[in-house]
Amino acid sequence: MDFLYSIISTVLSIYSYAIIVYILLSWFPGARESSFGGLLAKIVEPYLEPFRKIIPPLGMIDLSPIVAILALRFAQYGVASIFNMIG
């Protein structure tokens, strides 16, 4: 069971880091239009889209990625709790 928890936890952490890198790409002109930026967009945007519908941008500031990362962290804590209860 520890192996399964380790895999799930690692995947959630890597996805959180992917979101952070995707956010940072917006600071560099043309970075999101690169092949790497396009790949990250295909991976991250489907997850961020529902959060953007709930939390609209405040001017130039988009808070939805922060909420999305927090949701991933809560999911990670939830998975840890479930595996702790199982044994």
C-alpha atoms as a PDB file:
ATOM      1  CA  MET A   1       0.000   0.000   0.000  1.00  0.00           C
ATOM      2  CA  ASP A   2       2.871   2.373   0.671  1.00  0.00           C
ATOM      3  CA  PHE A   3       4.003   1.962  -2.932  1.00  0.00           C
ATOM      4  CA  LEU A   4       0.589   2.987  -4.265  1.00  0.00           C
ATOM      5  CA  TYR A   5       0.437   5.982  -1.926  1.00  0.00           C
ATOM      6  CA  SER A   6       3.932   6.997  -3.012  1.00  0.00           C
ATOM      7  CA  ILE A   7       2.946   6.900  -6.687  1.00  0.00           C
ATOM      8  CA  ILE A   8      -0.267   8.893  -6.164  1.00  0.00           C
ATOM      9  CA  SER A   9       1.471  11.462  -3.995  1.00  0.00           C
ATOM     10  CA  THR A  10       4.310  11.873  -6.482  1.00  0.00           C
ATOM     11  CA  VAL A  11       1.924  12.323  -9.416  1.00  0.00           C
ATOM     12  CA  LEU A  12      -0.043  14.998  -7.537  1.00  0.00           C
ATOM     13  CA  SER A  13       3.182  16.814  -6.611  1.00  0.00           C
ATOM     14  CA  ILE A  14       4.506  16.710 -10.172  1.00  0.00           C
ATOM     15  CA  TYR A  15       1.185  18.045 -11.454  1.00  0.00           C
ATOM     16  CA  SER A  16       1.366  20.910  -8.938  1.00  0.00           C
ATOM     17  CA  TYR A  17       4.849  21.760 -10.163  1.00  0.00           C
ATOM     18  CA  ALA A  18       3.631  21.613 -13.772  1.00  0.00           C
ATOM     19  CA  ILE A  19       0.985  24.211 -12.919  1.00  0.00           C
ATOM     20  CA  ILE A  20       3.620  26.432 -11.294  1.00  0.00           C
ATOM     21  CA  VAL A  21       5.891  26.179 -14.353  1.00  0.00           C
ATOM     22  CA  TYR A  22       2.918  26.944 -16.604  1.00  0.00           C
ATOM     23  CA  ILE A  23       2.159  30.053 -14.556  1.00  0.00           C
ATOM     24  CA  LEU A  24       5.782  31.167 -14.714  1.00  0.00           C
ATOM     25  CA  LEU A  25       5.785  30.770 -18.503  1.00  0.00           C
ATOM     26  CA  SER A  26       3.264  33.609 -18.684  1.00  0.00           C
ATOM     27  CA  TRP A  27       5.969  35.984 -17.437  1.00  0.00           C
ATOM     28  CA  PHE A  28       8.124  35.384 -20.516  1.00  0.00           C
ATOM     29  CA  PRO A  29       6.958  36.637 -23.931  1.00  0.00           C
ATOM     30  CA  GLY A  30       6.270  33.793 -26.326  1.00  0.00           C
ATOM     31  CA  ALA A  31       7.066  31.046 -23.820  1.00  0.00           C
ATOM     32  CA  ARG A  32       3.535  29.643 -23.840  1.00  0.00           C
ATOM     33  CA  GLU A  33       3.609  29.518 -27.630  1.00  0.00           C
ATOM     34  CA  SER A  34       6.706  27.301 -27.616  1.00  0.00           C
ATOM     35  CA  SER A  35       6.395  23.535 -28.033  1.00  0.00           C
ATOM     36  CA  PHE A  36       7.050  23.061 -24.295  1.00  0.00           C
ATOM     37  CA  GLY A  37       4.445  25.686 -23.424  1.00  0.00           C
ATOM     38  CA  GLY A  38       1.935  24.026 -25.752  1.00  0.00           C
ATOM     39  CA  LEU A  39       2.547  20.633 -24.144  1.00  0.00           C
ATOM     40  CA  LEU A  40       2.084  22.093 -20.663  1.00  0.00           C
ATOM     41  CA  ALA A  41      -1.085  23.854 -21.812  1.00  0.00           C
ATOM     42  CA  LYS A  42      -2.556  20.552 -23.009  1.00  0.00           C
ATOM     43  CA  ILE A  43      -1.777  18.983 -19.636  1.00  0.00           C
ATOM     44  CA  VAL A  44      -2.690  21.852 -17.293  1.00  0.00           C
ATOM     45  CA  GLU A  45      -5.475  23.845 -18.979  1.00  0.00           C
ATOM     46  CA  PRO A  46      -8.200  21.158 -18.702  1.00  0.00           C
ATOM     47  CA  TYR A  47      -7.684  21.160 -14.933  1.00  0.00           C
ATOM     48  CA  LEU A  48      -7.490  24.958 -14.602  1.00  0.00           C
ATOM     49  CA  GLU A  49     -10.530  25.694 -16.765  1.00  0.00           C
ATOM     50  CA  PRO A  50     -13.215  24.811 -14.160  1.00  0.00           C
ATOM     51  CA  PHE A  51     -11.429  26.952 -11.571  1.00  0.00           C
ATOM     52  CA  ARG A  52     -11.367  29.889 -13.992  1.00  0.00           C
ATOM     53  CA  LYS A  53     -15.130  29.587 -14.443  1.00  0.00           C
ATOM     54  CA  ILE A  54     -15.622  29.817 -10.671  1.00  0.00           C
ATOM     55  CA  ILE A  55     -12.957  32.441  -9.958  1.00  0.00           C
ATOM     56  CA  PRO A  56     -12.735  35.092 -12.685  1.00  0.00           C
ATOM     57  CA  PRO A  57      -9.457  37.011 -13.100  1.00  0.00           C
ATOM     58  CA  LEU A  58      -9.114  40.213 -11.093  1.00  0.00           C
ATOM     59  CA  GLY A  59      -7.789  42.527 -13.756  1.00  0.00           C
ATOM     60  CA  MET A  60      -4.408  41.144 -14.784  1.00  0.00           C
ATOM     61  CA  ILE A  61      -4.237  38.717 -11.846  1.00  0.00           C
ATOM     62  CA  ASP A  62      -5.570  35.180 -12.223  1.00  0.00           C
ATOM     63  CA  LEU A  63      -6.039  33.542  -8.824  1.00  0.00           C
ATOM     64  CA  SER A  64      -7.487  30.305 -10.169  1.00  0.00           C
ATOM     65  CA  PRO A  65      -4.120  28.489 -10.425  1.00  0.00           C
ATOM     66  CA  ILE A  66      -3.492  29.144  -6.740  1.00  0.00           C
ATOM     67  CA  VAL A  67      -6.867  27.666  -5.832  1.00  0.00           C
ATOM     68  CA  ALA A  68      -6.204  24.748  -8.196  1.00  0.00           C
ATOM     69  CA  ILE A  69      -2.877  24.023  -6.493  1.00  0.00           C
ATOM     70  CA  LEU A  70      -4.552  24.224  -3.075  1.00  0.00           C
ATOM     71  CA  ALA A  71      -7.172  21.737  -4.271  1.00  0.00           C
ATOM     72  CA  LEU A  72      -4.394  19.366  -5.349  1.00  0.00           C
ATOM     73  CA  ARG A  73      -2.731  19.724  -1.947  1.00  0.00           C
ATOM     74  CA  PHE A  74      -6.006  18.988  -0.173  1.00  0.00           C
ATOM     75  CA  ALA A  75      -6.426  15.936  -2.401  1.00  0.00           C
ATOM     76  CA  GLN A  76      -2.921  14.839  -1.466  1.00  0.00           C
ATOM     77  CA  TYR A  77      -3.735  15.226   2.245  1.00  0.00           C
ATOM     78  CA  GLY A  78      -6.969  13.312   1.712  1.00  0.00           C
ATOM     79  CA  VAL A  79      -5.157  10.450  -0.007  1.00  0.00           C
ATOM     80  CA  ALA A  80      -2.634  10.376   2.861  1.00  0.00           C
ATOM     81  CA  SER A  81      -5.467  10.195   5.396  1.00  0.00           C
ATOM     82  CA  ILE A  82      -7.164   7.382   3.525  1.00  0.00           C
ATOM     83  CA  PHE A  83      -3.970   5.367   3.348  1.00  0.00           C
ATOM     84  CA  ASN A  84      -3.294   6.031   7.043  1.00  0.00           C
ATOM     85  CA  MET A  85      -6.763   4.688   7.912  1.00  0.00           C
ATOM     86  CA  ILE A  86      -6.281   1.617   5.740  1.00  0.00           C
ATOM     87  CA  GLY A  87      -3.120   0.747   7.452  1.00  0.00           C
END
